[in-house]
Amino acid sequence: MSSSSLTFIFAQVTNAAVSTTGTSDATAPQAPPGYTPLLYIILFVAMIYFALIRPQQQAKKKQEETIKGSKTGDKIVTSSGIHGVITNVKESTVIVRVADNVKLEIEKSHIDKITRPDGDSEKTVTAKVS
C-alpha cells in the first residue's frame, strides 16, 4: 500500500468518526498536501546518501591518497595477507620483497595497510575501504 492510499483510508476513518459524534466537518482534520510523498522520498534518499554513499566515497578517496603516497621502504600488507617491503614503485604496481631473493609485483589497489617508519616509532596507515 502506498502512503497516499493509507492517508486516504485514515481520512475516511476520521471523517466517519467525526460525523458520528455530531460535530461539523469544519473541525475535521484535513488530508496532507499532495507533495508529502515526494518529501518523504527526498528525505529517504538524503538519509541513504549521508549514511551509506558519502562515507564510502570518503574512505575510497583516503585509500587512493594513501596508496599514491607509498614509497620505497614502506612495509605493507596486501588484501590477501601478504606482508612485505616495497622495493620499487611503478605507475600502477609496486615491487614487494616478501623474503630473501623473493619479489612480487602487486597492484597498488590491493595494498591494505602501509606501515611507515617515522623516527623511532612506526606509523600505521590503514587503506582499507569498508
N, C-alpha and C. Protein backbone atom coordinates (compact mmCIF):
# COMPACT_ATOMS: atom_id res chain seq x y z
N MET A 1 0.84 -1.17 0.00
CA MET A 1 0.00 0.00 0.00
C MET A 1 0.88 1.24 0.00
N SER A 2 0.48 2.21 -0.81
CA SER A 2 1.24 3.45 -0.84
C SER A 2 0.79 4.36 0.30
N SER A 3 1.61 5.37 0.55
CA SER A 3 1.28 6.27 1.65
C SER A 3 0.04 7.10 1.33
N SER A 4 -0.20 7.37 0.03
CA SER A 4 -1.40 8.14 -0.31
C SER A 4 -2.67 7.34 -0.04
N SER A 5 -2.64 6.03 -0.29
CA SER A 5 -3.83 5.23 -0.01
C SER A 5 -4.03 5.09 1.50
N LEU A 6 -2.94 5.00 2.26
CA LEU A 6 -3.07 4.95 3.71
C LEU A 6 -3.63 6.27 4.24
N THR A 7 -3.18 7.37 3.66
CA THR A 7 -3.69 8.68 4.07
C THR A 7 -5.18 8.79 3.77
N PHE A 8 -5.59 8.29 2.60
CA PHE A 8 -7.00 8.33 2.22
C PHE A 8 -7.84 7.50 3.19
N ILE A 9 -7.36 6.30 3.52
CA ILE A 9 -8.09 5.44 4.45
C ILE A 9 -8.20 6.10 5.82
N PHE A 10 -7.10 6.69 6.29
CA PHE A 10 -7.09 7.36 7.58
C PHE A 10 -8.07 8.53 7.57
N ALA A 11 -8.10 9.28 6.47
CA ALA A 11 -9.02 10.42 6.37
C ALA A 11 -10.47 9.94 6.39
N GLN A 12 -10.75 8.82 5.73
CA GLN A 12 -12.11 8.29 5.72
C GLN A 12 -12.54 7.85 7.12
N VAL A 13 -11.63 7.19 7.83
CA VAL A 13 -11.94 6.72 9.18
C VAL A 13 -12.18 7.89 10.11
N THR A 14 -11.33 8.90 10.04
CA THR A 14 -11.50 10.05 10.94
C THR A 14 -12.74 10.85 10.57
N ASN A 15 -13.06 10.97 9.31
CA ASN A 15 -14.28 11.67 8.90
C ASN A 15 -15.51 10.92 9.39
N ALA A 16 -15.47 9.60 9.34
CA ALA A 16 -16.60 8.80 9.83
C ALA A 16 -16.75 9.00 11.34
N ALA A 17 -15.64 9.05 12.04
CA ALA A 17 -15.69 9.23 13.49
C ALA A 17 -16.24 10.61 13.84
N VAL A 18 -15.86 11.63 13.08
CA VAL A 18 -16.32 12.98 13.33
C VAL A 18 -17.81 13.08 13.05
N SER A 19 -18.28 12.47 11.98
CA SER A 19 -19.70 12.58 11.63
C SER A 19 -20.58 11.84 12.63
N THR A 20 -20.08 10.78 13.28
CA THR A 20 -20.89 10.06 14.25
C THR A 20 -20.96 10.79 15.58
N THR A 21 -20.00 11.67 15.88
CA THR A 21 -20.04 12.40 17.14
C THR A 21 -20.91 13.63 17.05
N GLY A 22 -21.30 14.02 15.85
CA GLY A 22 -22.21 15.13 15.70
C GLY A 22 -21.53 16.47 15.54
N THR A 23 -20.19 16.53 15.42
CA THR A 23 -19.51 17.80 15.21
C THR A 23 -19.52 18.13 13.73
N SER A 24 -19.24 19.35 13.40
CA SER A 24 -19.26 19.77 11.99
C SER A 24 -17.99 19.32 11.28
N ASP A 25 -18.05 19.33 9.95
CA ASP A 25 -16.89 18.92 9.14
C ASP A 25 -15.80 19.98 9.14
N ALA A 26 -16.08 21.17 9.62
CA ALA A 26 -15.09 22.24 9.64
C ALA A 26 -13.96 21.92 10.60
N THR A 27 -14.22 21.12 11.64
CA THR A 27 -13.17 20.77 12.59
C THR A 27 -12.48 19.46 12.23
N ALA A 28 -12.89 18.80 11.15
CA ALA A 28 -12.28 17.54 10.76
C ALA A 28 -10.86 17.79 10.26
N PRO A 29 -9.95 16.88 10.55
CA PRO A 29 -8.57 17.06 10.08
C PRO A 29 -8.52 16.99 8.56
N GLN A 30 -7.68 17.82 7.98
CA GLN A 30 -7.56 17.86 6.53
C GLN A 30 -6.49 16.86 6.09
N ALA A 31 -6.64 16.36 4.88
CA ALA A 31 -5.65 15.45 4.31
C ALA A 31 -4.36 16.23 4.04
N PRO A 32 -3.21 15.57 4.16
CA PRO A 32 -1.96 16.27 3.89
C PRO A 32 -1.87 16.66 2.42
N PRO A 33 -1.05 17.65 2.11
CA PRO A 33 -0.91 18.09 0.72
C PRO A 33 -0.40 16.96 -0.17
N GLY A 34 -0.60 17.12 -1.47
CA GLY A 34 -0.22 16.08 -2.43
C GLY A 34 1.28 15.90 -2.58
N TYR A 35 2.08 16.86 -2.18
CA TYR A 35 3.53 16.75 -2.32
C TYR A 35 4.19 16.04 -1.13
N THR A 36 3.45 15.64 -0.15
CA THR A 36 4.00 14.98 1.04
C THR A 36 4.77 13.70 0.69
N PRO A 37 4.26 12.81 -0.17
CA PRO A 37 5.05 11.61 -0.52
C PRO A 37 6.38 11.95 -1.17
N LEU A 38 6.41 13.02 -1.96
CA LEU A 38 7.65 13.45 -2.59
C LEU A 38 8.66 13.90 -1.53
N LEU A 39 8.19 14.57 -0.51
CA LEU A 39 9.10 14.98 0.57
C LEU A 39 9.67 13.77 1.31
N TYR A 40 8.86 12.75 1.52
CA TYR A 40 9.36 11.54 2.16
C TYR A 40 10.42 10.86 1.30
N ILE A 41 10.21 10.83 0.01
CA ILE A 41 11.19 10.21 -0.89
C ILE A 41 12.50 10.98 -0.86
N ILE A 42 12.41 12.30 -0.92
CA ILE A 42 13.62 13.13 -0.87
C ILE A 42 14.36 12.93 0.45
N LEU A 43 13.64 12.89 1.55
CA LEU A 43 14.24 12.67 2.86
C LEU A 43 14.92 11.30 2.92
N PHE A 44 14.28 10.28 2.39
CA PHE A 44 14.84 8.93 2.38
C PHE A 44 16.12 8.87 1.55
N VAL A 45 16.12 9.47 0.37
CA VAL A 45 17.31 9.48 -0.49
C VAL A 45 18.45 10.23 0.19
N ALA A 46 18.15 11.33 0.85
CA ALA A 46 19.19 12.09 1.56
C ALA A 46 19.79 11.27 2.70
N MET A 47 18.94 10.55 3.43
CA MET A 47 19.45 9.71 4.53
C MET A 47 20.36 8.60 3.99
N ILE A 48 19.96 7.97 2.91
CA ILE A 48 20.78 6.92 2.30
C ILE A 48 22.12 7.49 1.84
N TYR A 49 22.09 8.66 1.21
CA TYR A 49 23.32 9.28 0.73
C TYR A 49 24.28 9.56 1.88
N PHE A 50 23.79 10.22 2.93
CA PHE A 50 24.69 10.61 4.03
C PHE A 50 25.06 9.44 4.93
N ALA A 51 24.27 8.37 4.95
CA ALA A 51 24.58 7.22 5.81
C ALA A 51 25.43 6.18 5.11
N LEU A 52 25.29 6.02 3.80
CA LEU A 52 25.98 4.93 3.11
C LEU A 52 26.94 5.39 2.01
N ILE A 53 26.48 6.21 1.11
CA ILE A 53 27.26 6.53 -0.07
C ILE A 53 28.42 7.47 0.23
N ARG A 54 28.17 8.55 0.91
CA ARG A 54 29.22 9.55 1.18
C ARG A 54 30.37 8.99 2.02
N PRO A 55 30.12 8.23 3.09
CA PRO A 55 31.26 7.68 3.84
C PRO A 55 32.12 6.73 3.00
N GLN A 56 31.49 5.95 2.10
CA GLN A 56 32.27 5.06 1.24
C GLN A 56 33.13 5.86 0.27
N GLN A 57 32.61 6.94 -0.27
CA GLN A 57 33.38 7.78 -1.18
C GLN A 57 34.57 8.40 -0.46
N GLN A 58 34.35 8.86 0.77
CA GLN A 58 35.45 9.46 1.53
C GLN A 58 36.51 8.44 1.87
N ALA A 59 36.11 7.22 2.23
CA ALA A 59 37.08 6.17 2.55
C ALA A 59 37.87 5.77 1.31
N LYS A 60 37.20 5.70 0.18
CA LYS A 60 37.90 5.34 -1.06
C LYS A 60 38.90 6.42 -1.44
N LYS A 61 38.53 7.68 -1.26
CA LYS A 61 39.43 8.79 -1.56
C LYS A 61 40.65 8.75 -0.65
N LYS A 62 40.44 8.45 0.63
CA LYS A 62 41.54 8.35 1.58
C LYS A 62 42.47 7.19 1.22
N GLN A 63 41.89 6.06 0.79
CA GLN A 63 42.69 4.92 0.38
C GLN A 63 43.55 5.26 -0.83
N GLU A 64 42.97 5.94 -1.81
CA GLU A 64 43.73 6.31 -3.00
C GLU A 64 44.88 7.25 -2.66
N GLU A 65 44.64 8.21 -1.77
CA GLU A 65 45.70 9.13 -1.36
C GLU A 65 46.81 8.39 -0.63
N THR A 66 46.45 7.45 0.23
CA THR A 66 47.44 6.67 0.97
C THR A 66 48.28 5.84 0.02
N ILE A 67 47.65 5.21 -0.94
CA ILE A 67 48.36 4.36 -1.87
C ILE A 67 49.26 5.19 -2.78
N LYS A 68 48.79 6.37 -3.20
CA LYS A 68 49.62 7.24 -4.03
C LYS A 68 50.86 7.69 -3.28
N GLY A 69 50.77 7.79 -1.97
CA GLY A 69 51.89 8.21 -1.15
C GLY A 69 52.85 7.10 -0.77
N SER A 70 52.61 5.88 -1.27
CA SER A 70 53.51 4.77 -0.93
C SER A 70 54.87 4.99 -1.59
N LYS A 71 55.91 4.60 -0.87
CA LYS A 71 57.27 4.81 -1.36
C LYS A 71 58.15 3.65 -0.98
N THR A 72 59.32 3.62 -1.54
CA THR A 72 60.28 2.55 -1.27
C THR A 72 60.63 2.54 0.22
N GLY A 73 60.62 1.34 0.79
CA GLY A 73 60.94 1.18 2.21
C GLY A 73 59.73 1.02 3.10
N ASP A 74 58.54 1.30 2.59
CA ASP A 74 57.32 1.13 3.38
C ASP A 74 57.00 -0.35 3.54
N LYS A 75 56.60 -0.72 4.74
CA LYS A 75 56.12 -2.09 4.97
C LYS A 75 54.64 -2.12 4.65
N ILE A 76 54.19 -3.16 3.93
CA ILE A 76 52.80 -3.23 3.54
C ILE A 76 52.21 -4.60 3.86
N VAL A 77 50.89 -4.61 3.92
CA VAL A 77 50.12 -5.85 4.00
C VAL A 77 49.09 -5.75 2.89
N THR A 78 49.02 -6.77 2.04
CA THR A 78 48.06 -6.74 0.94
C THR A 78 46.71 -7.25 1.42
N SER A 79 45.71 -7.10 0.58
CA SER A 79 44.36 -7.56 0.94
C SER A 79 44.30 -9.07 1.06
N SER A 80 45.26 -9.78 0.47
CA SER A 80 45.30 -11.23 0.60
C SER A 80 46.16 -11.69 1.77
N GLY A 81 46.76 -10.73 2.50
CA GLY A 81 47.51 -11.08 3.70
C GLY A 81 49.01 -11.22 3.50
N ILE A 82 49.53 -10.84 2.37
CA ILE A 82 50.98 -10.93 2.12
C ILE A 82 51.66 -9.72 2.75
N HIS A 83 52.69 -10.00 3.56
CA HIS A 83 53.48 -8.95 4.20
C HIS A 83 54.77 -8.78 3.42
N GLY A 84 55.22 -7.53 3.27
CA GLY A 84 56.46 -7.30 2.57
C GLY A 84 56.89 -5.85 2.68
N VAL A 85 58.00 -5.55 2.00
CA VAL A 85 58.57 -4.21 1.99
C VAL A 85 58.63 -3.77 0.53
N ILE A 86 58.19 -2.55 0.27
CA ILE A 86 58.22 -2.03 -1.09
C ILE A 86 59.66 -1.74 -1.49
N THR A 87 60.06 -2.29 -2.64
CA THR A 87 61.42 -2.04 -3.14
C THR A 87 61.41 -1.14 -4.36
N ASN A 88 60.27 -1.07 -5.06
CA ASN A 88 60.18 -0.23 -6.24
C ASN A 88 58.72 0.15 -6.46
N VAL A 89 58.49 1.40 -6.83
CA VAL A 89 57.13 1.88 -7.07
C VAL A 89 57.00 2.20 -8.55
N LYS A 90 55.99 1.60 -9.18
CA LYS A 90 55.69 1.89 -10.58
C LYS A 90 54.39 2.66 -10.65
N GLU A 91 53.88 2.88 -11.87
CA GLU A 91 52.68 3.68 -12.03
C GLU A 91 51.46 3.04 -11.39
N SER A 92 51.19 1.77 -11.67
CA SER A 92 50.01 1.11 -11.11
C SER A 92 50.35 -0.11 -10.26
N THR A 93 51.63 -0.43 -10.16
CA THR A 93 52.06 -1.58 -9.36
C THR A 93 53.23 -1.21 -8.47
N VAL A 94 53.51 -2.09 -7.53
CA VAL A 94 54.70 -1.95 -6.68
C VAL A 94 55.41 -3.30 -6.65
N ILE A 95 56.73 -3.25 -6.53
CA ILE A 95 57.52 -4.46 -6.35
C ILE A 95 57.73 -4.61 -4.85
N VAL A 96 57.35 -5.78 -4.32
CA VAL A 96 57.39 -6.02 -2.89
C VAL A 96 58.33 -7.18 -2.61
N ARG A 97 59.28 -6.96 -1.66
CA ARG A 97 60.17 -8.04 -1.22
C ARG A 97 59.48 -8.73 -0.05
N VAL A 98 59.15 -10.01 -0.21
CA VAL A 98 58.46 -10.75 0.83
C VAL A 98 59.40 -11.68 1.59
N ALA A 99 60.55 -12.00 1.01
CA ALA A 99 61.57 -12.83 1.67
C ALA A 99 62.89 -12.57 0.94
N ASP A 100 63.96 -13.18 1.42
CA ASP A 100 65.23 -13.02 0.74
C ASP A 100 65.12 -13.58 -0.67
N ASN A 101 65.52 -12.77 -1.65
CA ASN A 101 65.51 -13.14 -3.06
C ASN A 101 64.11 -13.48 -3.59
N VAL A 102 63.06 -13.02 -2.93
CA VAL A 102 61.69 -13.24 -3.41
C VAL A 102 61.00 -11.88 -3.52
N LYS A 103 60.66 -11.53 -4.76
CA LYS A 103 59.98 -10.26 -5.00
C LYS A 103 58.71 -10.53 -5.79
N LEU A 104 57.66 -9.79 -5.45
CA LEU A 104 56.37 -9.91 -6.13
C LEU A 104 55.96 -8.55 -6.67
N GLU A 105 55.33 -8.56 -7.83
CA GLU A 105 54.77 -7.33 -8.37
C GLU A 105 53.28 -7.34 -8.06
N ILE A 106 52.83 -6.33 -7.31
CA ILE A 106 51.46 -6.31 -6.81
C ILE A 106 50.79 -5.01 -7.25
N GLU A 107 49.52 -5.10 -7.62
CA GLU A 107 48.74 -3.92 -7.96
C GLU A 107 48.61 -3.01 -6.72
N LYS A 108 48.68 -1.73 -6.93
CA LYS A 108 48.56 -0.79 -5.82
C LYS A 108 47.18 -0.87 -5.16
N SER A 109 46.17 -1.21 -5.94
CA SER A 109 44.81 -1.26 -5.39
C SER A 109 44.63 -2.38 -4.38
N HIS A 110 45.57 -3.32 -4.31
CA HIS A 110 45.46 -4.44 -3.37
C HIS A 110 46.24 -4.21 -2.09
N ILE A 111 46.82 -3.04 -1.93
CA ILE A 111 47.51 -2.71 -0.68
C ILE A 111 46.44 -2.41 0.37
N ASP A 112 46.53 -3.09 1.51
CA ASP A 112 45.54 -2.92 2.57
C ASP A 112 46.06 -2.01 3.67
N LYS A 113 47.28 -2.20 4.11
CA LYS A 113 47.87 -1.39 5.18
C LYS A 113 49.28 -1.00 4.78
N ILE A 114 49.68 0.19 5.20
CA ILE A 114 51.04 0.66 4.98
C ILE A 114 51.60 1.08 6.33
N THR A 115 52.78 0.56 6.66
CA THR A 115 53.46 0.94 7.90
C THR A 115 54.72 1.69 7.50
N ARG A 116 54.78 2.96 7.92
CA ARG A 116 55.91 3.81 7.55
C ARG A 116 56.78 4.06 8.76
N PRO A 117 58.08 3.88 8.62
CA PRO A 117 58.97 4.26 9.72
C PRO A 117 58.96 5.78 9.89
N ASP A 118 58.63 6.24 11.09
CA ASP A 118 58.51 7.67 11.36
C ASP A 118 59.33 8.00 12.60
N GLY A 119 60.62 8.21 12.40
CA GLY A 119 61.50 8.45 13.54
C GLY A 119 61.74 7.15 14.29
N ASP A 120 61.57 7.17 15.63
CA ASP A 120 61.77 5.97 16.43
C ASP A 120 60.55 5.05 16.39
N SER A 121 59.37 5.61 16.21
CA SER A 121 58.16 4.79 16.19
C SER A 121 57.72 4.58 14.75
N GLU A 122 56.84 3.59 14.58
CA GLU A 122 56.30 3.32 13.25
C GLU A 122 54.86 3.79 13.19
N LYS A 123 54.49 4.36 12.08
CA LYS A 123 53.14 4.87 11.88
C LYS A 123 52.41 3.93 10.92
N THR A 124 51.25 3.43 11.36
CA THR A 124 50.47 2.54 10.51
C THR A 124 49.34 3.33 9.87
N VAL A 125 49.22 3.17 8.55
CA VAL A 125 48.17 3.83 7.79
C VAL A 125 47.31 2.73 7.19
N THR A 126 46.04 2.72 7.56
CA THR A 126 45.14 1.72 7.01
C THR A 126 44.47 2.29 5.79
N ALA A 127 44.50 1.53 4.71
CA ALA A 127 43.93 1.99 3.46
C ALA A 127 42.73 1.17 3.05
N LYS A 128 42.11 0.50 4.01
CA LYS A 128 41.01 -0.41 3.69
C LYS A 128 39.70 0.34 3.58
N VAL A 129 38.89 -0.04 2.55
CA VAL A 129 37.55 0.51 2.37
C VAL A 129 36.56 -0.47 2.96
N SER A 130 35.71 0.02 3.86
CA SER A 130 34.73 -0.86 4.49
C SER A 130 33.51 -1.01 3.63
